[in-house]
Amino acid sequence: MKRRAPVVSCGILLGAGMGGFVDGIVLHQLLQWHNMLSSVVPPTDLVSMKLNMLWDGVFHSLTWLTTAAGLWRLWITVQRPDVLLSGSALLAGMLIGWGLFNAVEGTVDHQILGLHHVHPGSGQLAWDLAFIGSGLMFCFAGWLMLRASRPA
């Protein structure tokens, strides 16, 4: 019997990487709501902004490496005869990966370490909890998709 797990693991890496890119590009750069260290080093002058940009770059490098690892793993996986190639399994894995990114990054960076918040200021806890909640919903949606597309 062919296995879906390798395709799902590719999706998890790709989803985590893409989730990181959406966070970094949309929240950090386009909306400029926060930078990687904005709660620790508020970007109030050129030096602190440069430090925050440096750490945003480190963050983007890690998301790029995660995405590249997912693509490399996918390349290897599609060549294996024991793997059931399934677009729905890949998409489900991507939802789970994106969800894991939001839930883990939101819990660790926003709540535990306090490095930054989704939207600092009044109501920042609500924004942070919504970010974590979106991650949990993505994970649940991916899990449901996996269950629904289980091979007979």
N, C-alpha and C. Protein backbone atom coordinates (compact mmCIF):
# COMPACT_ATOMS: atom_id res chain seq x y z
N MET A 1 0.84 -1.19 0.00
CA MET A 1 0.00 0.00 0.00
C MET A 1 0.89 1.24 0.00
N LYS A 2 0.51 2.20 -0.82
CA LYS A 2 1.29 3.44 -0.90
C LYS A 2 0.97 4.35 0.28
N ARG A 3 1.98 5.13 0.67
CA ARG A 3 1.85 5.99 1.86
C ARG A 3 1.70 7.46 1.48
N ARG A 4 0.92 8.19 2.28
CA ARG A 4 0.74 9.64 2.07
C ARG A 4 1.63 10.46 2.99
N ALA A 5 2.14 9.86 4.06
CA ALA A 5 2.87 10.61 5.08
C ALA A 5 4.03 11.44 4.51
N PRO A 6 4.81 10.92 3.55
CA PRO A 6 5.89 11.76 3.02
C PRO A 6 5.38 13.02 2.33
N VAL A 7 4.24 12.92 1.65
CA VAL A 7 3.66 14.10 1.00
C VAL A 7 3.16 15.09 2.05
N VAL A 8 2.56 14.58 3.11
CA VAL A 8 2.07 15.45 4.18
C VAL A 8 3.25 16.18 4.84
N SER A 9 4.36 15.48 5.07
CA SER A 9 5.51 16.14 5.71
C SER A 9 6.09 17.23 4.81
N CYS A 10 6.06 17.01 3.49
CA CYS A 10 6.49 18.07 2.56
C CYS A 10 5.58 19.29 2.72
N GLY A 11 4.29 19.02 2.78
CA GLY A 11 3.33 20.10 2.93
C GLY A 11 3.51 20.87 4.23
N ILE A 12 3.84 20.16 5.30
CA ILE A 12 4.05 20.83 6.59
C ILE A 12 5.22 21.80 6.49
N LEU A 13 6.33 21.37 5.89
CA LEU A 13 7.47 22.28 5.73
C LEU A 13 7.11 23.45 4.83
N LEU A 14 6.47 23.18 3.70
CA LEU A 14 6.09 24.26 2.79
C LEU A 14 5.09 25.22 3.44
N GLY A 15 4.13 24.69 4.17
CA GLY A 15 3.14 25.54 4.84
C GLY A 15 3.76 26.40 5.91
N ALA A 16 4.69 25.83 6.69
CA ALA A 16 5.36 26.63 7.73
C ALA A 16 6.18 27.75 7.09
N GLY A 17 6.88 27.43 6.01
CA GLY A 17 7.66 28.45 5.32
C GLY A 17 6.78 29.54 4.73
N MET A 18 5.69 29.14 4.07
CA MET A 18 4.80 30.13 3.47
C MET A 18 4.10 30.96 4.54
N GLY A 19 3.70 30.33 5.64
CA GLY A 19 3.10 31.08 6.74
C GLY A 19 4.06 32.12 7.29
N GLY A 20 5.33 31.74 7.40
CA GLY A 20 6.35 32.69 7.86
C GLY A 20 6.52 33.84 6.89
N PHE A 21 6.49 33.53 5.59
CA PHE A 21 6.61 34.60 4.60
C PHE A 21 5.42 35.56 4.67
N VAL A 22 4.21 35.03 4.81
CA VAL A 22 3.03 35.90 4.91
C VAL A 22 3.16 36.79 6.15
N ASP A 23 3.56 36.21 7.28
CA ASP A 23 3.75 36.98 8.50
C ASP A 23 4.79 38.07 8.28
N GLY A 24 5.95 37.68 7.78
CA GLY A 24 7.04 38.64 7.61
C GLY A 24 6.75 39.71 6.58
N ILE A 25 6.19 39.30 5.45
CA ILE A 25 5.95 40.27 4.37
C ILE A 25 4.75 41.15 4.70
N VAL A 26 3.63 40.54 5.10
CA VAL A 26 2.42 41.34 5.32
C VAL A 26 2.49 42.12 6.64
N LEU A 27 2.75 41.42 7.76
CA LEU A 27 2.70 42.10 9.06
C LEU A 27 3.96 42.94 9.33
N HIS A 28 5.14 42.42 8.97
CA HIS A 28 6.37 43.16 9.26
C HIS A 28 6.60 44.28 8.26
N GLN A 29 6.49 43.97 6.96
CA GLN A 29 6.91 44.94 5.95
C GLN A 29 5.78 45.80 5.41
N LEU A 30 4.69 45.19 4.95
CA LEU A 30 3.64 45.98 4.32
C LEU A 30 2.83 46.79 5.34
N LEU A 31 2.32 46.13 6.37
CA LEU A 31 1.53 46.85 7.37
C LEU A 31 2.41 47.56 8.40
N GLN A 32 3.64 47.09 8.56
CA GLN A 32 4.61 47.65 9.50
C GLN A 32 4.04 47.71 10.92
N TRP A 33 3.31 46.66 11.27
CA TRP A 33 2.74 46.58 12.61
C TRP A 33 3.79 46.22 13.64
N HIS A 34 4.72 45.39 13.24
CA HIS A 34 5.77 45.00 14.17
C HIS A 34 6.98 44.51 13.40
N ASN A 35 8.11 44.56 14.07
CA ASN A 35 9.33 43.94 13.58
C ASN A 35 9.69 42.84 14.56
N MET A 36 10.71 42.08 14.23
CA MET A 36 11.03 40.90 15.02
C MET A 36 11.31 41.22 16.49
N LEU A 37 11.94 42.33 16.77
CA LEU A 37 12.29 42.67 18.17
C LEU A 37 11.59 43.94 18.65
N SER A 38 10.50 44.33 18.02
CA SER A 38 9.93 45.65 18.28
C SER A 38 9.44 45.87 19.71
N SER A 39 9.14 44.82 20.46
CA SER A 39 8.75 45.01 21.86
C SER A 39 9.96 45.13 22.78
N VAL A 40 11.10 44.60 22.33
CA VAL A 40 12.33 44.64 23.12
C VAL A 40 13.16 45.86 22.75
N VAL A 41 13.26 46.12 21.44
CA VAL A 41 14.00 47.27 20.93
C VAL A 41 13.03 48.06 20.04
N PRO A 42 12.24 48.97 20.64
CA PRO A 42 11.27 49.73 19.84
C PRO A 42 11.98 50.51 18.72
N PRO A 43 11.47 50.40 17.49
CA PRO A 43 12.12 51.07 16.36
C PRO A 43 11.84 52.57 16.34
N THR A 44 12.46 53.27 17.28
CA THR A 44 12.21 54.71 17.42
C THR A 44 13.31 55.57 16.81
N ASP A 45 14.44 54.99 16.46
CA ASP A 45 15.50 55.74 15.80
C ASP A 45 16.15 54.84 14.75
N LEU A 46 17.06 55.39 13.98
CA LEU A 46 17.66 54.66 12.88
C LEU A 46 18.40 53.41 13.34
N VAL A 47 19.13 53.49 14.44
CA VAL A 47 19.90 52.34 14.92
C VAL A 47 18.96 51.21 15.34
N SER A 48 17.92 51.52 16.08
CA SER A 48 16.99 50.47 16.51
C SER A 48 16.20 49.91 15.32
N MET A 49 15.89 50.74 14.33
CA MET A 49 15.21 50.24 13.14
C MET A 49 16.12 49.30 12.36
N LYS A 50 17.40 49.64 12.27
CA LYS A 50 18.34 48.77 11.57
C LYS A 50 18.48 47.43 12.29
N LEU A 51 18.51 47.44 13.61
CA LEU A 51 18.61 46.19 14.37
C LEU A 51 17.37 45.33 14.14
N ASN A 52 16.20 45.96 14.15
CA ASN A 52 14.96 45.23 13.88
C ASN A 52 14.95 44.67 12.45
N MET A 53 15.43 45.44 11.48
CA MET A 53 15.49 44.95 10.10
C MET A 53 16.44 43.77 9.98
N LEU A 54 17.56 43.83 10.70
CA LEU A 54 18.51 42.71 10.69
C LEU A 54 17.81 41.43 11.16
N TRP A 55 17.10 41.52 12.27
CA TRP A 55 16.43 40.33 12.81
C TRP A 55 15.24 39.91 11.96
N ASP A 56 14.58 40.85 11.28
CA ASP A 56 13.57 40.47 10.29
C ASP A 56 14.23 39.68 9.16
N GLY A 57 15.43 40.09 8.77
CA GLY A 57 16.17 39.36 7.74
C GLY A 57 16.54 37.95 8.19
N VAL A 58 16.94 37.80 9.45
CA VAL A 58 17.23 36.46 9.99
C VAL A 58 15.96 35.61 9.93
N PHE A 59 14.85 36.20 10.34
CA PHE A 59 13.55 35.52 10.30
C PHE A 59 13.21 35.07 8.88
N HIS A 60 13.35 36.00 7.91
CA HIS A 60 13.05 35.66 6.52
C HIS A 60 14.00 34.58 5.99
N SER A 61 15.24 34.61 6.43
CA SER A 61 16.20 33.57 6.02
C SER A 61 15.74 32.20 6.51
N LEU A 62 15.26 32.14 7.74
CA LEU A 62 14.77 30.87 8.28
C LEU A 62 13.52 30.39 7.56
N THR A 63 12.63 31.31 7.20
CA THR A 63 11.43 30.89 6.47
C THR A 63 11.82 30.43 5.06
N TRP A 64 12.82 31.08 4.46
CA TRP A 64 13.29 30.66 3.14
C TRP A 64 13.89 29.25 3.23
N LEU A 65 14.71 29.00 4.24
CA LEU A 65 15.30 27.67 4.41
C LEU A 65 14.24 26.60 4.65
N THR A 66 13.21 26.94 5.41
CA THR A 66 12.12 26.00 5.65
C THR A 66 11.39 25.67 4.35
N THR A 67 11.11 26.69 3.55
CA THR A 67 10.46 26.49 2.26
C THR A 67 11.35 25.67 1.33
N ALA A 68 12.64 26.00 1.28
CA ALA A 68 13.58 25.25 0.44
C ALA A 68 13.65 23.79 0.88
N ALA A 69 13.64 23.54 2.18
CA ALA A 69 13.66 22.16 2.68
C ALA A 69 12.40 21.42 2.24
N GLY A 70 11.25 22.10 2.27
CA GLY A 70 10.01 21.49 1.81
C GLY A 70 10.05 21.15 0.33
N LEU A 71 10.62 22.05 -0.49
CA LEU A 71 10.74 21.78 -1.92
C LEU A 71 11.70 20.63 -2.19
N TRP A 72 12.82 20.62 -1.47
CA TRP A 72 13.80 19.53 -1.62
C TRP A 72 13.15 18.20 -1.25
N ARG A 73 12.45 18.20 -0.13
CA ARG A 73 11.78 16.96 0.32
C ARG A 73 10.71 16.53 -0.69
N LEU A 74 9.98 17.48 -1.26
CA LEU A 74 8.97 17.16 -2.26
C LEU A 74 9.62 16.55 -3.50
N TRP A 75 10.75 17.10 -3.92
CA TRP A 75 11.48 16.58 -5.08
C TRP A 75 11.87 15.12 -4.86
N ILE A 76 12.37 14.81 -3.67
CA ILE A 76 12.76 13.44 -3.34
C ILE A 76 11.51 12.55 -3.26
N THR A 77 10.46 13.07 -2.67
CA THR A 77 9.24 12.28 -2.42
C THR A 77 8.56 11.86 -3.71
N VAL A 78 8.47 12.75 -4.69
CA VAL A 78 7.73 12.41 -5.92
C VAL A 78 8.45 11.32 -6.72
N GLN A 79 9.69 11.06 -6.41
CA GLN A 79 10.44 10.02 -7.12
C GLN A 79 10.32 8.65 -6.45
N ARG A 80 9.69 8.59 -5.30
CA ARG A 80 9.58 7.32 -4.57
C ARG A 80 8.36 6.54 -5.04
N PRO A 81 8.55 5.25 -5.36
CA PRO A 81 7.42 4.45 -5.83
C PRO A 81 6.44 4.05 -4.73
N ASP A 82 6.86 4.17 -3.48
CA ASP A 82 5.99 3.75 -2.37
C ASP A 82 5.10 4.87 -1.86
N VAL A 83 5.12 6.03 -2.53
CA VAL A 83 4.38 7.20 -2.05
C VAL A 83 3.16 7.45 -2.94
N LEU A 84 2.03 7.65 -2.30
CA LEU A 84 0.81 8.04 -3.00
C LEU A 84 0.85 9.56 -3.19
N LEU A 85 1.00 10.00 -4.42
CA LEU A 85 1.04 11.44 -4.69
C LEU A 85 -0.39 11.96 -4.66
N SER A 86 -0.61 12.90 -3.75
CA SER A 86 -1.96 13.40 -3.52
C SER A 86 -1.91 14.90 -3.28
N GLY A 87 -2.59 15.64 -4.16
CA GLY A 87 -2.66 17.09 -3.99
C GLY A 87 -3.39 17.48 -2.71
N SER A 88 -4.42 16.72 -2.36
CA SER A 88 -5.16 17.06 -1.14
C SER A 88 -4.31 16.79 0.10
N ALA A 89 -3.48 15.75 0.07
CA ALA A 89 -2.60 15.48 1.21
C ALA A 89 -1.54 16.58 1.33
N LEU A 90 -1.04 17.05 0.18
CA LEU A 90 -0.06 18.14 0.20
C LEU A 90 -0.70 19.41 0.75
N LEU A 91 -1.89 19.75 0.27
CA LEU A 91 -2.58 20.95 0.75
C LEU A 91 -2.93 20.84 2.23
N ALA A 92 -3.37 19.66 2.65
CA ALA A 92 -3.66 19.45 4.08
C ALA A 92 -2.41 19.66 4.92
N GLY A 93 -1.30 19.10 4.46
CA GLY A 93 -0.03 19.31 5.17
C GLY A 93 0.36 20.77 5.22
N MET A 94 0.12 21.49 4.12
CA MET A 94 0.45 22.92 4.11
C MET A 94 -0.41 23.70 5.11
N LEU A 95 -1.68 23.36 5.20
CA LEU A 95 -2.54 24.01 6.20
C LEU A 95 -2.04 23.72 7.62
N ILE A 96 -1.66 22.47 7.85
CA ILE A 96 -1.14 22.10 9.17
C ILE A 96 0.16 22.84 9.45
N GLY A 97 1.06 22.92 8.45
CA GLY A 97 2.33 23.62 8.64
C GLY A 97 2.15 25.10 8.91
N TRP A 98 1.26 25.74 8.15
CA TRP A 98 0.98 27.16 8.36
C TRP A 98 0.38 27.35 9.74
N GLY A 99 -0.53 26.46 10.10
CA GLY A 99 -1.14 26.55 11.42
C GLY A 99 -0.14 26.37 12.54
N LEU A 100 0.76 25.39 12.37
CA LEU A 100 1.80 25.19 13.38
C LEU A 100 2.69 26.42 13.50
N PHE A 101 3.03 27.01 12.34
CA PHE A 101 3.83 28.24 12.38
C PHE A 101 3.13 29.31 13.21
N ASN A 102 1.87 29.60 12.90
CA ASN A 102 1.15 30.65 13.62
C ASN A 102 1.03 30.33 15.11
N ALA A 103 0.68 29.09 15.42
CA ALA A 103 0.47 28.72 16.83
C ALA A 103 1.78 28.77 17.62
N VAL A 104 2.84 28.22 17.05
CA VAL A 104 4.12 28.18 17.77
C VAL A 104 4.76 29.56 17.84
N GLU A 105 4.85 30.24 16.70
CA GLU A 105 5.48 31.57 16.68
C GLU A 105 4.67 32.54 17.53
N GLY A 106 3.35 32.46 17.46
CA GLY A 106 2.51 33.34 18.26
C GLY A 106 2.66 33.08 19.75
N THR A 107 2.76 31.82 20.12
CA THR A 107 2.90 31.49 21.54
C THR A 107 4.29 31.84 22.05
N VAL A 108 5.32 31.43 21.31
CA VAL A 108 6.69 31.64 21.78
C VAL A 108 7.12 33.11 21.67
N ASP A 109 7.06 33.67 20.45
CA ASP A 109 7.57 35.04 20.25
C ASP A 109 6.67 36.12 20.84
N HIS A 110 5.36 35.94 20.72
CA HIS A 110 4.44 36.98 21.19
C HIS A 110 4.17 36.88 22.69
N GLN A 111 3.91 35.66 23.18
CA GLN A 111 3.48 35.52 24.56
C GLN A 111 4.62 35.18 25.53
N ILE A 112 5.41 34.16 25.23
CA ILE A 112 6.43 33.72 26.18
C ILE A 112 7.63 34.67 26.20
N LEU A 113 8.22 34.94 25.03
CA LEU A 113 9.40 35.81 24.98
C LEU A 113 9.05 37.29 24.90
N GLY A 114 7.86 37.62 24.43
CA GLY A 114 7.44 39.02 24.32
C GLY A 114 8.30 39.82 23.35
N LEU A 115 8.79 39.18 22.27
CA LEU A 115 9.64 39.88 21.31
C LEU A 115 8.87 40.93 20.52
N HIS A 116 7.65 40.60 20.16
CA HIS A 116 6.79 41.52 19.43
C HIS A 116 5.35 41.02 19.54
N HIS A 117 4.43 41.85 19.09
CA HIS A 117 3.02 41.49 19.11
C HIS A 117 2.46 41.73 17.71
N VAL A 118 1.39 41.03 17.35
CA VAL A 118 0.83 41.16 16.02
C VAL A 118 0.53 42.63 15.71
N HIS A 119 -0.21 43.26 16.59
CA HIS A 119 -0.55 44.69 16.42
C HIS A 119 -0.40 45.34 17.79
N PRO A 120 0.79 45.94 18.06
CA PRO A 120 1.04 46.49 19.39
C PRO A 120 0.07 47.62 19.75
N GLY A 121 -0.11 47.77 21.02
CA GLY A 121 -0.97 48.84 21.53
C GLY A 121 -2.19 48.26 22.22
N SER A 122 -3.22 49.07 22.31
CA SER A 122 -4.43 48.60 22.98
C SER A 122 -5.01 47.44 22.18
N GLY A 123 -5.38 46.41 22.87
CA GLY A 123 -5.94 45.23 22.22
C GLY A 123 -4.90 44.27 21.66
N GLN A 124 -3.62 44.46 22.02
CA GLN A 124 -2.60 43.59 21.44
C GLN A 124 -2.78 42.12 21.83
N LEU A 125 -3.28 41.86 23.02
CA LEU A 125 -3.52 40.47 23.42
C LEU A 125 -4.58 39.83 22.53
N ALA A 126 -5.61 40.56 22.19
CA ALA A 126 -6.66 40.03 21.32
C ALA A 126 -6.08 39.69 19.93
N TRP A 127 -5.23 40.58 19.40
CA TRP A 127 -4.60 40.31 18.10
C TRP A 127 -3.71 39.06 18.19
N ASP A 128 -2.93 38.96 19.27
CA ASP A 128 -2.04 37.81 19.44
C ASP A 128 -2.85 36.51 19.57
N LEU A 129 -3.91 36.54 20.35
CA LEU A 129 -4.73 35.34 20.52
C LEU A 129 -5.44 34.96 19.22
N ALA A 130 -5.85 35.96 18.44
CA ALA A 130 -6.46 35.67 17.14
C ALA A 130 -5.44 35.03 16.20
N PHE A 131 -4.20 35.47 16.25
CA PHE A 131 -3.13 34.89 15.43
C PHE A 131 -2.91 33.43 15.82
N ILE A 132 -2.81 33.17 17.12
CA ILE A 132 -2.64 31.79 17.61
C ILE A 132 -3.87 30.96 17.26
N GLY A 133 -5.06 31.54 17.45
CA GLY A 133 -6.30 30.85 17.12
C GLY A 133 -6.39 30.51 15.64
N SER A 134 -5.92 31.43 14.78
CA SER A 134 -5.93 31.13 13.34
C SER A 134 -5.04 29.93 13.05
N GLY A 135 -3.93 29.85 13.76
CA GLY A 135 -3.04 28.70 13.59
C GLY A 135 -3.71 27.40 13.98
N LEU A 136 -4.41 27.42 15.10
CA LEU A 136 -5.12 26.22 15.54
C LEU A 136 -6.23 25.83 14.56
N MET A 137 -6.91 26.84 14.00
CA MET A 137 -7.96 26.56 13.01
C MET A 137 -7.36 25.98 11.73
N PHE A 138 -6.22 26.51 11.28
CA PHE A 138 -5.55 25.94 10.09
C PHE A 138 -5.16 24.49 10.34
N CYS A 139 -4.61 24.20 11.52
CA CYS A 139 -4.25 22.82 11.86
C CYS A 139 -5.47 21.91 11.82
N PHE A 140 -6.55 22.36 12.41
CA PHE A 140 -7.78 21.57 12.44
C PHE A 140 -8.33 21.35 11.03
N ALA A 141 -8.32 22.41 10.20
CA ALA A 141 -8.80 22.29 8.83
C ALA A 141 -7.93 21.30 8.04
N GLY A 142 -6.62 21.36 8.23
CA GLY A 142 -5.73 20.42 7.57
C GLY A 142 -5.99 18.99 8.01
N TRP A 143 -6.20 18.81 9.30
CA TRP A 143 -6.49 17.48 9.84
C TRP A 143 -7.80 16.94 9.25
N LEU A 144 -8.83 17.80 9.21
CA LEU A 144 -10.11 17.38 8.62
C LEU A 144 -9.94 17.00 7.15
N MET A 145 -9.15 17.79 6.43
CA MET A 145 -8.92 17.50 5.01
C MET A 145 -8.20 16.15 4.84
N LEU A 146 -7.24 15.88 5.72
CA LEU A 146 -6.55 14.59 5.66
C LEU A 146 -7.50 13.43 5.91
N ARG A 147 -8.34 13.59 6.91
CA ARG A 147 -9.32 12.52 7.23
C ARG A 147 -10.28 12.30 6.08
N ALA A 148 -10.75 13.39 5.46
CA ALA A 148 -11.73 13.29 4.38
C ALA A 148 -11.13 12.67 3.12
N SER A 149 -9.83 12.85 2.93
CA SER A 149 -9.20 12.36 1.70
C SER A 149 -8.44 11.07 1.92
N ARG A 150 -8.71 10.40 3.03
CA ARG A 150 -8.04 9.13 3.34
C ARG A 150 -8.34 8.12 2.25
N PRO A 151 -7.28 7.47 1.72
CA PRO A 151 -7.52 6.49 0.65
C PRO A 151 -8.31 5.29 1.17
N ALA A 152 -9.10 4.71 0.29
CA ALA A 152 -9.93 3.56 0.68
C ALA A 152 -9.08 2.31 0.88
